[in-house]
């Protein structure tokens, strides 16, 4: 998450500074002059007569009002508060640990997700095994275009085990050969039985695809080698959780090469925070995938600040095909 830079954002996002301000106000309560509106120990009667009356108790709510007014009049910032608090401690007193800490920004994890270039299945060719579908002549230039988007080497490269994703990552690896590379289970969602689909093209599988999504049963498994929608979403969540553990002492960039529906589900979870994966959730995902497809060679950038995933920008390179795997 990026910092807003607003003048009072430090009070909302930096608990150390806020605690220091609280400690500062606690010290000021004993030393600062009470505002004129609270000087109630002397009352002026008609004419020149003056009489003492009992002081009004400075209640907790009134104390807060006085401190807030003092804050507005003084026009100091957090650094002034930290310095003043330290100066008003009794001589020889050790500084509280909160004052010795300098507020710092949490390292930012930046994840650049790219769908593979055009594959044989995307081009309408008949294929046998989802894992071994290669890139086409159009897909290879798309892979090169992705590699040229990186001004500097990513800190890590993560790739799907499927051939088309590995071929898409190859130009980036050739350009940055020292980048650590890992293979994660981020392969594409295979919801139709591979054996049934062997030797078929996208146009032949279309009736089966429509039947599967119209049924909207997140627990349905089409056959051996197929995956239910619920299991697929669980795999996407596991990848996000695993990414969130890759924390380090400075900003960290990961290039991830994978597939359209997998990255669509990742984006959907980040945007909506979907909790219940039921028939309605399955239909919602399908509608999103049809209206906002991630084209071949395109993707998005997501960030994680240690607490929250956010979508930062689109990582599009150019228009490409979308159908199939």
C-alpha atoms as a PDB file:
ATOM      1  CA  UNK A   1       0.000   0.000   0.000  1.00  0.00           C
ATOM      2  CA  UNK A   2       1.374   3.403  -0.873  1.00  0.00           C
ATOM      3  CA  UNK A   3       1.531   6.224   1.661  1.00  0.00           C
ATOM      4  CA  UNK A   4      -0.974   9.019   1.164  1.00  0.00           C
ATOM      5  CA  UNK A   5       1.339  11.741   2.406  1.00  0.00           C
ATOM      6  CA  UNK A   6      -1.519  13.583   4.104  1.00  0.00           C
ATOM      7  CA  UNK A   7      -0.489  15.873   6.952  1.00  0.00           C
ATOM      8  CA  UNK A   8      -2.117  13.791   9.653  1.00  0.00           C
ATOM      9  CA  UNK A   9      -1.600  10.348   8.089  1.00  0.00           C
ATOM     10  CA  UNK A  10       1.194   9.738  10.602  1.00  0.00           C
ATOM     11  CA  UNK A  11      -1.363   9.776  13.429  1.00  0.00           C
ATOM     12  CA  UNK A  12      -3.398   7.070  11.681  1.00  0.00           C
ATOM     13  CA  UNK A  13      -0.597   4.817  10.458  1.00  0.00           C
ATOM     14  CA  UNK A  14       2.251   5.190  12.919  1.00  0.00           C
ATOM     15  CA  UNK A  15       1.266   3.937  16.386  1.00  0.00           C
ATOM     16  CA  UNK A  16       4.761   4.733  17.746  1.00  0.00           C
ATOM     17  CA  UNK A  17       4.369   8.408  16.954  1.00  0.00           C
ATOM     18  CA  UNK A  18       0.823   8.429  18.277  1.00  0.00           C
ATOM     19  CA  UNK A  19       1.944   6.919  21.600  1.00  0.00           C
ATOM     20  CA  UNK A  20       4.698   9.499  21.808  1.00  0.00           C
ATOM     21  CA  UNK A  21       2.134  12.257  21.298  1.00  0.00           C
ATOM     22  CA  UNK A  22      -0.013  10.771  24.058  1.00  0.00           C
ATOM     23  CA  UNK A  23       2.987  10.750  26.385  1.00  0.00           C
ATOM     24  CA  UNK A  24       3.760  14.338  25.382  1.00  0.00           C
ATOM     25  CA  UNK A  25       0.248  15.462  26.216  1.00  0.00           C
ATOM     26  CA  UNK A  26       0.404  13.668  29.554  1.00  0.00           C
ATOM     27  CA  UNK A  27       3.513  15.716  30.463  1.00  0.00           C
ATOM     28  CA  UNK A  28       2.028  18.923  29.115  1.00  0.00           C
ATOM     29  CA  UNK A  29      -1.024  18.519  31.315  1.00  0.00           C
ATOM     30  CA  UNK A  30       1.152  19.433  34.317  1.00  0.00           C
ATOM     31  CA  UNK A  31       3.058  22.324  32.769  1.00  0.00           C
ATOM     32  CA  UNK A  32       1.011  24.075  30.104  1.00  0.00           C
ATOM     33  CA  UNK A  33      -1.096  27.136  31.011  1.00  0.00           C
ATOM     34  CA  UNK A  34      -4.769  26.377  31.132  1.00  0.00           C
ATOM     35  CA  UNK A  35      -6.704  28.080  28.299  1.00  0.00           C
ATOM     36  CA  UNK A  36      -8.607  31.218  29.190  1.00  0.00           C
ATOM     37  CA  UNK A  37     -11.912  29.454  28.789  1.00  0.00           C
ATOM     38  CA  UNK A  38     -10.961  27.204  31.735  1.00  0.00           C
ATOM     39  CA  UNK A  39      -9.677  29.827  34.148  1.00  0.00           C
ATOM     40  CA  UNK A  40     -12.683  29.563  36.365  1.00  0.00           C
ATOM     41  CA  UNK A  41     -11.071  30.236  39.742  1.00  0.00           C
ATOM     42  CA  UNK A  42     -11.796  33.999  39.492  1.00  0.00           C
ATOM     43  CA  UNK A  43     -15.160  35.384  38.522  1.00  0.00           C
ATOM     44  CA  UNK A  44     -15.861  39.010  37.622  1.00  0.00           C
ATOM     45  CA  UNK A  45     -19.044  40.365  39.055  1.00  0.00           C
ATOM     46  CA  UNK A  46     -20.883  43.602  38.150  1.00  0.00           C
ATOM     47  CA  UNK A  47     -18.822  46.739  38.518  1.00  0.00           C
ATOM     48  CA  UNK A  48     -15.321  46.190  39.949  1.00  0.00           C
ATOM     49  CA  UNK A  49     -16.245  43.597  42.516  1.00  0.00           C
ATOM     50  CA  UNK A  50     -14.329  40.344  42.383  1.00  0.00           C
ATOM     51  CA  UNK A  51     -14.880  37.243  44.416  1.00  0.00           C
ATOM     52  CA  UNK A  52     -13.213  33.902  44.593  1.00  0.00           C
ATOM     53  CA  UNK A  53     -15.274  30.856  43.857  1.00  0.00           C
ATOM     54  CA  UNK A  54     -14.545  27.164  43.944  1.00  0.00           C
ATOM     55  CA  UNK A  55     -12.464  25.996  40.956  1.00  0.00           C
ATOM     56  CA  UNK A  56     -14.305  23.942  38.397  1.00  0.00           C
ATOM     57  CA  UNK A  57     -12.931  20.421  38.246  1.00  0.00           C
ATOM     58  CA  UNK A  58     -10.951  19.731  35.102  1.00  0.00           C
ATOM     59  CA  UNK A  59     -12.752  16.619  33.949  1.00  0.00           C
ATOM     60  CA  UNK A  60     -11.338  14.084  31.559  1.00  0.00           C
ATOM     61  CA  UNK A  61     -13.403  15.450  28.677  1.00  0.00           C
ATOM     62  CA  UNK A  62     -12.362  19.033  29.443  1.00  0.00           C
ATOM     63  CA  UNK A  63      -8.733  17.956  29.670  1.00  0.00           C
ATOM     64  CA  UNK A  64      -8.983  16.468  26.205  1.00  0.00           C
ATOM     65  CA  UNK A  65     -10.510  19.684  24.874  1.00  0.00           C
ATOM     66  CA  UNK A  66      -7.752  21.765  26.395  1.00  0.00           C
ATOM     67  CA  UNK A  67      -5.072  19.528  24.912  1.00  0.00           C
ATOM     68  CA  UNK A  68      -6.636  19.580  21.471  1.00  0.00           C
ATOM     69  CA  UNK A  69      -6.822  23.400  21.603  1.00  0.00           C
ATOM     70  CA  UNK A  70      -3.198  23.535  22.686  1.00  0.00           C
ATOM     71  CA  UNK A  71      -2.327  21.264  19.789  1.00  0.00           C
ATOM     72  CA  UNK A  72      -4.071  23.608  17.294  1.00  0.00           C
ATOM     73  CA  UNK A  73      -2.458  26.769  18.724  1.00  0.00           C
ATOM     74  CA  UNK A  74       1.035  25.340  18.865  1.00  0.00           C
ATOM     75  CA  UNK A  75       0.992  24.090  15.251  1.00  0.00           C
ATOM     76  CA  UNK A  76       3.658  21.482  15.895  1.00  0.00           C
ATOM     77  CA  UNK A  77       4.188  18.224  14.074  1.00  0.00           C
ATOM     78  CA  UNK A  78       5.113  14.747  15.252  1.00  0.00           C
ATOM     79  CA  UNK A  79       8.845  15.444  15.259  1.00  0.00           C
ATOM     80  CA  UNK A  80       8.303  18.454  17.552  1.00  0.00           C
ATOM     81  CA  UNK A  81       6.201  16.309  19.848  1.00  0.00           C
ATOM     82  CA  UNK A  82       8.900  13.635  20.092  1.00  0.00           C
ATOM     83  CA  UNK A  83      11.587  16.238  20.773  1.00  0.00           C
ATOM     84  CA  UNK A  84       9.539  18.176  23.324  1.00  0.00           C
ATOM     85  CA  UNK A  85       8.549  15.032  25.150  1.00  0.00           C
ATOM     86  CA  UNK A  86      12.184  14.033  25.457  1.00  0.00           C
ATOM     87  CA  UNK A  87      13.248  17.522  26.634  1.00  0.00           C
ATOM     88  CA  UNK A  88      10.652  17.651  29.413  1.00  0.00           C
ATOM     89  CA  UNK A  89      11.663  14.373  31.022  1.00  0.00           C
ATOM     90  CA  UNK A  90      13.385  14.831  34.410  1.00  0.00           C
ATOM     91  CA  UNK A  91      17.202  15.108  34.126  1.00  0.00           C
ATOM     92  CA  UNK A  92      18.895  11.751  34.041  1.00  0.00           C
ATOM     93  CA  UNK A  93      15.747   9.862  33.094  1.00  0.00           C
ATOM     94  CA  UNK A  94      16.232   7.254  30.355  1.00  0.00           C
ATOM     95  CA  UNK A  95      14.427   7.852  27.111  1.00  0.00           C
ATOM     96  CA  UNK A  96      11.450   5.555  26.602  1.00  0.00           C
ATOM     97  CA  UNK A  97      12.064   3.022  23.866  1.00  0.00           C
ATOM     98  CA  UNK A  98       9.227   4.491  21.786  1.00  0.00           C
ATOM     99  CA  UNK A  99      11.110   7.792  21.523  1.00  0.00           C
ATOM    100  CA  UNK A 100      14.272   6.102  20.357  1.00  0.00           C
ATOM    101  CA  UNK A 101      12.483   4.475  17.438  1.00  0.00           C
ATOM    102  CA  UNK A 102      12.340   6.288  14.120  1.00  0.00           C
ATOM    103  CA  UNK A 103       9.122   5.595  12.207  1.00  0.00           C
ATOM    104  CA  UNK A 104       9.895   3.587   9.098  1.00  0.00           C
ATOM    105  CA  UNK A 105       7.878   2.365   6.139  1.00  0.00           C
ATOM    106  CA  UNK A 106       7.233  -1.348   5.835  1.00  0.00           C
ATOM    107  CA  UNK A 107       8.967  -2.995   2.873  1.00  0.00           C
ATOM    108  CA  UNK A 108       6.678  -3.339  -0.120  1.00  0.00           C
ATOM    109  CA  UNK A 109       6.275  -6.582  -2.031  1.00  0.00           C
ATOM    110  CA  UNK A 110       5.490  -5.854  -5.674  1.00  0.00           C
ATOM    111  CA  UNK A 111       4.122  -8.763  -7.718  1.00  0.00           C
ATOM    112  CA  UNK A 112       4.087  -8.483 -11.532  1.00  0.00           C
ATOM    113  CA  UNK A 113       1.788 -11.189 -12.927  1.00  0.00           C
ATOM    114  CA  UNK A 114       1.953 -12.057 -16.631  1.00  0.00           C
ATOM    115  CA  UNK A 115      -0.191 -14.474 -18.552  1.00  0.00           C
ATOM    116  CA  UNK A 116       1.717 -16.606 -21.052  1.00  0.00           C
ATOM    117  CA  UNK A 117       1.896 -15.675 -24.713  1.00  0.00           C
ATOM    118  CA  UNK A 118      -0.451 -17.124 -27.283  1.00  0.00           C
ATOM    119  CA  UNK A 119      -0.507 -20.920 -27.097  1.00  0.00           C
ATOM    120  CA  UNK A 120      -1.530 -23.560 -29.605  1.00  0.00           C
ATOM    121  CA  UNK A 121      -4.847 -23.956 -27.770  1.00  0.00           C
ATOM    122  CA  UNK A 122      -5.442 -20.194 -27.901  1.00  0.00           C
ATOM    123  CA  UNK A 123      -4.863 -20.292 -31.651  1.00  0.00           C
ATOM    124  CA  UNK A 124      -7.546 -22.975 -32.044  1.00  0.00           C
ATOM    125  CA  UNK A 125      -5.266 -25.986 -32.616  1.00  0.00           C
ATOM    126  CA  UNK A 126      -6.099 -29.422 -31.293  1.00  0.00           C
ATOM    127  CA  UNK A 127      -4.082 -30.353 -28.206  1.00  0.00           C
ATOM    128  CA  UNK A 128      -3.581 -33.467 -26.098  1.00  0.00           C
ATOM    129  CA  UNK A 129      -2.194 -32.613 -22.656  1.00  0.00           C
ATOM    130  CA  UNK A 130      -2.858 -29.273 -20.887  1.00  0.00           C
ATOM    131  CA  UNK A 131       0.638 -29.323 -19.390  1.00  0.00           C
ATOM    132  CA  UNK A 132       2.549 -29.617 -22.671  1.00  0.00           C
ATOM    133  CA  UNK A 133       0.772 -27.018 -24.853  1.00  0.00           C
ATOM    134  CA  UNK A 134       3.488 -24.826 -26.470  1.00  0.00           C
ATOM    135  CA  UNK A 135       3.589 -21.207 -27.578  1.00  0.00           C
ATOM    136  CA  UNK A 136       2.831 -20.281 -31.186  1.00  0.00           C
ATOM    137  CA  UNK A 137       4.826 -18.062 -33.511  1.00  0.00           C
ATOM    138  CA  UNK A 138       2.743 -15.151 -32.228  1.00  0.00           C
ATOM    139  CA  UNK A 139       3.312 -16.109 -28.600  1.00  0.00           C
ATOM    140  CA  UNK A 140       7.105 -15.925 -28.686  1.00  0.00           C
ATOM    141  CA  UNK A 141       7.278 -12.171 -29.527  1.00  0.00           C
ATOM    142  CA  UNK A 142       4.787 -11.572 -26.728  1.00  0.00           C
ATOM    143  CA  UNK A 143       7.171 -13.292 -24.328  1.00  0.00           C
ATOM    144  CA  UNK A 144      10.045 -11.091 -25.519  1.00  0.00           C
ATOM    145  CA  UNK A 145       7.892  -7.982 -25.061  1.00  0.00           C
ATOM    146  CA  UNK A 146       7.282  -8.950 -21.434  1.00  0.00           C
ATOM    147  CA  UNK A 147      11.017  -9.237 -20.747  1.00  0.00           C
ATOM    148  CA  UNK A 148      11.581  -5.718 -22.087  1.00  0.00           C
ATOM    149  CA  UNK A 149       9.157  -4.243 -19.563  1.00  0.00           C
ATOM    150  CA  UNK A 150      11.643  -4.765 -16.726  1.00  0.00           C
ATOM    151  CA  UNK A 151      14.027  -1.827 -16.259  1.00  0.00           C
ATOM    152  CA  UNK A 152      15.978  -3.816 -13.652  1.00  0.00           C
ATOM    153  CA  UNK A 153      16.128  -7.453 -12.700  1.00  0.00           C
ATOM    154  CA  UNK A 154      13.314  -8.726 -10.476  1.00  0.00           C
ATOM    155  CA  UNK A 155      14.367 -10.107  -7.121  1.00  0.00           C
ATOM    156  CA  UNK A 156      12.714 -13.436  -7.877  1.00  0.00           C
ATOM    157  CA  UNK A 157      10.950 -15.174 -10.729  1.00  0.00           C
ATOM    158  CA  UNK A 158       8.109 -17.628 -10.116  1.00  0.00           C
ATOM    159  CA  UNK A 159       6.738 -19.770 -12.903  1.00  0.00           C
ATOM    160  CA  UNK A 160       3.969 -22.285 -13.529  1.00  0.00           C
ATOM    161  CA  UNK A 161       5.116 -25.831 -14.350  1.00  0.00           C
ATOM    162  CA  UNK A 162       3.183 -25.776 -17.659  1.00  0.00           C
ATOM    163  CA  UNK A 163       5.282 -25.514 -20.825  1.00  0.00           C
ATOM    164  CA  UNK A 164       3.662 -22.370 -22.263  1.00  0.00           C
ATOM    165  CA  UNK A 165       4.356 -20.419 -19.044  1.00  0.00           C
ATOM    166  CA  UNK A 166       7.975 -21.588 -18.920  1.00  0.00           C
ATOM    167  CA  UNK A 167       8.483 -20.597 -22.552  1.00  0.00           C
ATOM    168  CA  UNK A 168       7.035 -17.159 -21.767  1.00  0.00           C
ATOM    169  CA  UNK A 169       9.428 -16.704 -18.844  1.00  0.00           C
ATOM    170  CA  UNK A 170      12.478 -17.787 -20.888  1.00  0.00           C
ATOM    171  CA  UNK A 171      13.298 -14.353 -22.458  1.00  0.00           C
ATOM    172  CA  UNK A 172      13.167 -12.685 -19.036  1.00  0.00           C
ATOM    173  CA  UNK A 173      15.473 -15.348 -17.618  1.00  0.00           C
ATOM    174  CA  UNK A 174      17.853 -14.887 -20.553  1.00  0.00           C
ATOM    175  CA  UNK A 175      17.965 -11.161 -19.884  1.00  0.00           C
ATOM    176  CA  UNK A 176      18.434 -11.580 -16.119  1.00  0.00           C
ATOM    177  CA  UNK A 177      20.208 -14.953 -15.717  1.00  0.00           C
ATOM    178  CA  UNK A 178      21.141 -14.350 -12.071  1.00  0.00           C
ATOM    179  CA  UNK A 179      17.540 -13.960 -10.921  1.00  0.00           C
ATOM    180  CA  UNK A 180      16.523 -16.788  -8.543  1.00  0.00           C
ATOM    181  CA  UNK A 181      13.794 -18.892 -10.145  1.00  0.00           C
ATOM    182  CA  UNK A 182      11.170 -21.117  -8.557  1.00  0.00           C
ATOM    183  CA  UNK A 183       8.368 -23.314  -9.892  1.00  0.00           C
ATOM    184  CA  UNK A 184       5.120 -23.062  -7.937  1.00  0.00           C
ATOM    185  CA  UNK A 185       1.803 -24.931  -8.352  1.00  0.00           C
ATOM    186  CA  UNK A 186       0.150 -21.984 -10.106  1.00  0.00           C
ATOM    187  CA  UNK A 187      -0.849 -23.984 -13.198  1.00  0.00           C
ATOM    188  CA  UNK A 188      -4.040 -23.222 -15.056  1.00  0.00           C
ATOM    189  CA  UNK A 189      -7.478 -24.295 -13.820  1.00  0.00           C
ATOM    190  CA  UNK A 190      -8.194 -27.647 -15.496  1.00  0.00           C
ATOM    191  CA  UNK A 191     -11.897 -28.166 -14.876  1.00  0.00           C
ATOM    192  CA  UNK A 192     -12.543 -30.597 -17.753  1.00  0.00           C
ATOM    193  CA  UNK A 193     -11.206 -34.147 -17.673  1.00  0.00           C
ATOM    194  CA  UNK A 194      -7.923 -34.104 -19.693  1.00  0.00           C
ATOM    195  CA  UNK A 195      -8.503 -37.576 -21.079  1.00  0.00           C
ATOM    196  CA  UNK A 196     -11.877 -36.575 -22.496  1.00  0.00           C
ATOM    197  CA  UNK A 197     -10.394 -33.464 -24.088  1.00  0.00           C
ATOM    198  CA  UNK A 198      -7.331 -35.111 -25.672  1.00  0.00           C
ATOM    199  CA  UNK A 199      -7.061 -34.366 -29.379  1.00  0.00           C
ATOM    200  CA  UNK A 200      -9.764 -31.689 -29.325  1.00  0.00           C
ATOM    201  CA  UNK A 201      -9.706 -27.977 -30.099  1.00  0.00           C
ATOM    202  CA  UNK A 202     -11.399 -25.136 -28.231  1.00  0.00           C
ATOM    203  CA  UNK A 203     -14.390 -25.127 -30.569  1.00  0.00           C
ATOM    204  CA  UNK A 204     -15.004 -28.821 -29.827  1.00  0.00           C
ATOM    205  CA  UNK A 205     -14.804 -28.288 -26.072  1.00  0.00           C
ATOM    206  CA  UNK A 206     -17.095 -25.259 -26.007  1.00  0.00           C
ATOM    207  CA  UNK A 207     -20.331 -27.171 -25.195  1.00  0.00           C
ATOM    208  CA  UNK A 208     -18.609 -28.928 -22.298  1.00  0.00           C
ATOM    209  CA  UNK A 209     -17.250 -25.589 -21.061  1.00  0.00           C
ATOM    210  CA  UNK A 210     -20.688 -23.952 -21.144  1.00  0.00           C
ATOM    211  CA  UNK A 211     -22.285 -26.888 -19.346  1.00  0.00           C
ATOM    212  CA  UNK A 212     -19.661 -26.785 -16.608  1.00  0.00           C
ATOM    213  CA  UNK A 213     -20.096 -23.067 -15.868  1.00  0.00           C
ATOM    214  CA  UNK A 214     -23.894 -23.144 -16.217  1.00  0.00           C
ATOM    215  CA  UNK A 215     -24.049 -25.856 -13.556  1.00  0.00           C
ATOM    216  CA  UNK A 216     -22.177 -23.573 -11.113  1.00  0.00           C
ATOM    217  CA  UNK A 217     -21.273 -26.361  -8.714  1.00  0.00           C
ATOM    218  CA  UNK A 218     -18.000 -25.375  -6.998  1.00  0.00           C
ATOM    219  CA  UNK A 219     -17.448 -28.914  -5.678  1.00  0.00           C
ATOM    220  CA  UNK A 220     -17.971 -30.732  -8.999  1.00  0.00           C
ATOM    221  CA  UNK A 221     -14.989 -32.705 -10.376  1.00  0.00           C
ATOM    222  CA  UNK A 222     -15.375 -33.587 -14.043  1.00  0.00           C
ATOM    223  CA  UNK A 223     -13.133 -36.658 -13.920  1.00  0.00           C
ATOM    224  CA  UNK A 224      -9.559 -37.914 -13.326  1.00  0.00           C
ATOM    225  CA  UNK A 225      -7.048 -35.080 -13.602  1.00  0.00           C
ATOM    226  CA  UNK A 226      -9.732 -32.385 -13.283  1.00  0.00           C
ATOM    227  CA  UNK A 227     -10.055 -29.895 -10.420  1.00  0.00           C
ATOM    228  CA  UNK A 228     -13.119 -28.487  -8.703  1.00  0.00           C
ATOM    229  CA  UNK A 229     -13.651 -24.734  -8.599  1.00  0.00           C
ATOM    230  CA  UNK A 230     -13.430 -24.755  -4.798  1.00  0.00           C
ATOM    231  CA  UNK A 231     -10.079 -26.567  -4.892  1.00  0.00           C
ATOM    232  CA  UNK A 232      -8.839 -24.167  -7.548  1.00  0.00           C
ATOM    233  CA  UNK A 233      -9.676 -21.101  -5.435  1.00  0.00           C
ATOM    234  CA  UNK A 234      -8.020 -22.728  -2.442  1.00  0.00           C
ATOM    235  CA  UNK A 235      -4.863 -23.163  -4.523  1.00  0.00           C
ATOM    236  CA  UNK A 236      -4.934 -19.481  -5.506  1.00  0.00           C
ATOM    237  CA  UNK A 237      -5.361 -18.470  -1.861  1.00  0.00           C
ATOM    238  CA  UNK A 238      -2.447 -20.685  -0.874  1.00  0.00           C
ATOM    239  CA  UNK A 239      -0.265 -18.905  -3.442  1.00  0.00           C
ATOM    240  CA  UNK A 240      -1.230 -15.483  -2.046  1.00  0.00           C
ATOM    241  CA  UNK A 241      -0.487 -16.634   1.495  1.00  0.00           C
ATOM    242  CA  UNK A 242       2.864 -18.036   0.416  1.00  0.00           C
ATOM    243  CA  UNK A 243       3.736 -14.793  -1.336  1.00  0.00           C
ATOM    244  CA  UNK A 244       2.848 -12.835   1.800  1.00  0.00           C
ATOM    245  CA  UNK A 245       5.541 -14.725   3.730  1.00  0.00           C
ATOM    246  CA  UNK A 246       8.286 -13.539   1.352  1.00  0.00           C
ATOM    247  CA  UNK A 247       9.073 -10.508   3.489  1.00  0.00           C
ATOM    248  CA  UNK A 248      12.472  -8.867   3.551  1.00  0.00           C
ATOM    249  CA  UNK A 249      14.215  -5.729   4.804  1.00  0.00           C
ATOM    250  CA  UNK A 250      13.627  -3.706   1.637  1.00  0.00           C
ATOM    251  CA  UNK A 251      11.202  -3.460  -1.288  1.00  0.00           C
ATOM    252  CA  UNK A 252      10.973  -6.712  -3.206  1.00  0.00           C
ATOM    253  CA  UNK A 253       9.839  -7.366  -6.784  1.00  0.00           C
ATOM    254  CA  UNK A 254       8.596 -10.729  -8.040  1.00  0.00           C
ATOM    255  CA  UNK A 255       7.868 -11.609 -11.648  1.00  0.00           C
ATOM    256  CA  UNK A 256       5.248 -14.355 -11.906  1.00  0.00           C
ATOM    257  CA  UNK A 257       4.474 -16.178 -15.147  1.00  0.00           C
ATOM    258  CA  UNK A 258       1.260 -18.141 -15.302  1.00  0.00           C
ATOM    259  CA  UNK A 259      -2.208 -18.394 -16.756  1.00  0.00           C
ATOM    260  CA  UNK A 260      -5.317 -16.368 -17.444  1.00  0.00           C
ATOM    261  CA  UNK A 261      -7.866 -17.951 -15.112  1.00  0.00           C
ATOM    262  CA  UNK A 262      -5.382 -18.396 -12.282  1.00  0.00           C
ATOM    263  CA  UNK A 263      -4.398 -14.725 -12.356  1.00  0.00           C
ATOM    264  CA  UNK A 264      -8.027 -13.732 -12.844  1.00  0.00           C
ATOM    265  CA  UNK A 265      -8.904 -15.580  -9.639  1.00  0.00           C
ATOM    266  CA  UNK A 266      -5.995 -13.899  -7.848  1.00  0.00           C
ATOM    267  CA  UNK A 267      -7.191 -10.486  -8.978  1.00  0.00           C
ATOM    268  CA  UNK A 268     -10.781 -11.363  -8.036  1.00  0.00           C
ATOM    269  CA  UNK A 269      -9.768 -12.365  -4.494  1.00  0.00           C
ATOM    270  CA  UNK A 270      -7.730  -9.180  -4.025  1.00  0.00           C
ATOM    271  CA  UNK A 271     -10.528  -6.945  -5.319  1.00  0.00           C
ATOM    272  CA  UNK A 272     -13.481  -8.568  -3.570  1.00  0.00           C
ATOM    273  CA  UNK A 273     -12.014 -10.521  -0.650  1.00  0.00           C
ATOM    274  CA  UNK A 274     -14.432 -13.327  -1.552  1.00  0.00           C
ATOM    275  CA  UNK A 275     -14.919 -15.614   1.429  1.00  0.00           C
ATOM    276  CA  UNK A 276     -17.710 -18.006   0.525  1.00  0.00           C
ATOM    277  CA  UNK A 277     -17.061 -19.981  -2.625  1.00  0.00           C
ATOM    278  CA  UNK A 278     -20.598 -21.024  -3.549  1.00  0.00           C
ATOM    279  CA  UNK A 279     -22.650 -21.082  -6.749  1.00  0.00           C
ATOM    280  CA  UNK A 280     -23.081 -17.290  -6.710  1.00  0.00           C
ATOM    281  CA  UNK A 281     -19.371 -16.755  -6.233  1.00  0.00           C
ATOM    282  CA  UNK A 282     -18.619 -19.119  -9.087  1.00  0.00           C
ATOM    283  CA  UNK A 283     -20.994 -17.239 -11.393  1.00  0.00           C
ATOM    284  CA  UNK A 284     -19.493 -13.920 -10.317  1.00  0.00           C
ATOM    285  CA  UNK A 285     -16.018 -15.138 -11.203  1.00  0.00           C
ATOM    286  CA  UNK A 286     -17.154 -16.441 -14.578  1.00  0.00           C
ATOM    287  CA  UNK A 287     -18.798 -13.111 -15.410  1.00  0.00           C
ATOM    288  CA  UNK A 288     -15.634 -11.224 -14.458  1.00  0.00           C
ATOM    289  CA  UNK A 289     -13.498 -13.525 -16.583  1.00  0.00           C
ATOM    290  CA  UNK A 290     -15.727 -12.934 -19.604  1.00  0.00           C
ATOM    291  CA  UNK A 291     -16.008  -9.156 -19.190  1.00  0.00           C
ATOM    292  CA  UNK A 292     -12.409  -8.409 -18.180  1.00  0.00           C
ATOM    293  CA  UNK A 293     -10.250 -11.172 -19.641  1.00  0.00           C
ATOM    294  CA  UNK A 294      -6.489 -11.162 -19.147  1.00  0.00           C
ATOM    295  CA  UNK A 295      -5.149 -11.408 -22.671  1.00  0.00           C
ATOM    296  CA  UNK A 296      -2.062 -13.314 -23.780  1.00  0.00           C
ATOM    297  CA  UNK A 297       1.071 -11.451 -22.741  1.00  0.00           C
ATOM    298  CA  UNK A 298      -0.876  -9.106 -20.446  1.00  0.00           C
ATOM    299  CA  UNK A 299      -1.313  -9.034 -16.691  1.00  0.00           C
ATOM    300  CA  UNK A 300      -1.364  -6.757 -13.665  1.00  0.00           C
ATOM    301  CA  UNK A 301       0.748  -5.583 -10.743  1.00  0.00           C
ATOM    302  CA  UNK A 302      -0.287  -6.199  -7.142  1.00  0.00           C
ATOM    303  CA  UNK A 303       1.400  -4.978  -3.958  1.00  0.00           C
ATOM    304  CA  UNK A 304       1.525  -6.279  -0.408  1.00  0.00           C
ATOM    305  CA  UNK A 305       2.594  -3.969   2.435  1.00  0.00           C
ATOM    306  CA  UNK A 306       2.640  -6.589   5.172  1.00  0.00           C
ATOM    307  CA  UNK A 307      -1.076  -6.256   5.905  1.00  0.00           C
ATOM    308  CA  UNK A 308      -3.074  -5.816   2.717  1.00  0.00           C
ATOM    309  CA  UNK A 309      -2.989  -6.850  -0.932  1.00  0.00           C
ATOM    310  CA  UNK A 310      -3.817  -4.115  -3.443  1.00  0.00           C
ATOM    311  CA  UNK A 311      -3.929  -3.842  -7.216  1.00  0.00           C
ATOM    312  CA  UNK A 312      -1.472  -1.206  -8.336  1.00  0.00           C
ATOM    313  CA  UNK A 313      -1.748  -1.044 -12.118  1.00  0.00           C
ATOM    314  CA  UNK A 314      -2.359  -2.981 -15.299  1.00  0.00           C
ATOM    315  CA  UNK A 315       0.676  -4.641 -16.841  1.00  0.00           C
ATOM    316  CA  UNK A 316      -0.688  -4.760 -20.379  1.00  0.00           C
ATOM    317  CA  UNK A 317       1.711  -4.959 -23.290  1.00  0.00           C
ATOM    318  CA  UNK A 318      -0.657  -5.199 -26.247  1.00  0.00           C
ATOM    319  CA  UNK A 319      -3.815  -6.892 -27.371  1.00  0.00           C
ATOM    320  CA  UNK A 320      -3.786 -10.654 -27.733  1.00  0.00           C
ATOM    321  CA  UNK A 321      -6.029 -13.656 -27.921  1.00  0.00           C
ATOM    322  CA  UNK A 322      -7.985 -14.792 -24.914  1.00  0.00           C
ATOM    323  CA  UNK A 323      -9.765 -18.053 -25.536  1.00  0.00           C
ATOM    324  CA  UNK A 324      -8.775 -21.401 -24.089  1.00  0.00           C
ATOM    325  CA  UNK A 325      -5.664 -22.129 -22.055  1.00  0.00           C
END
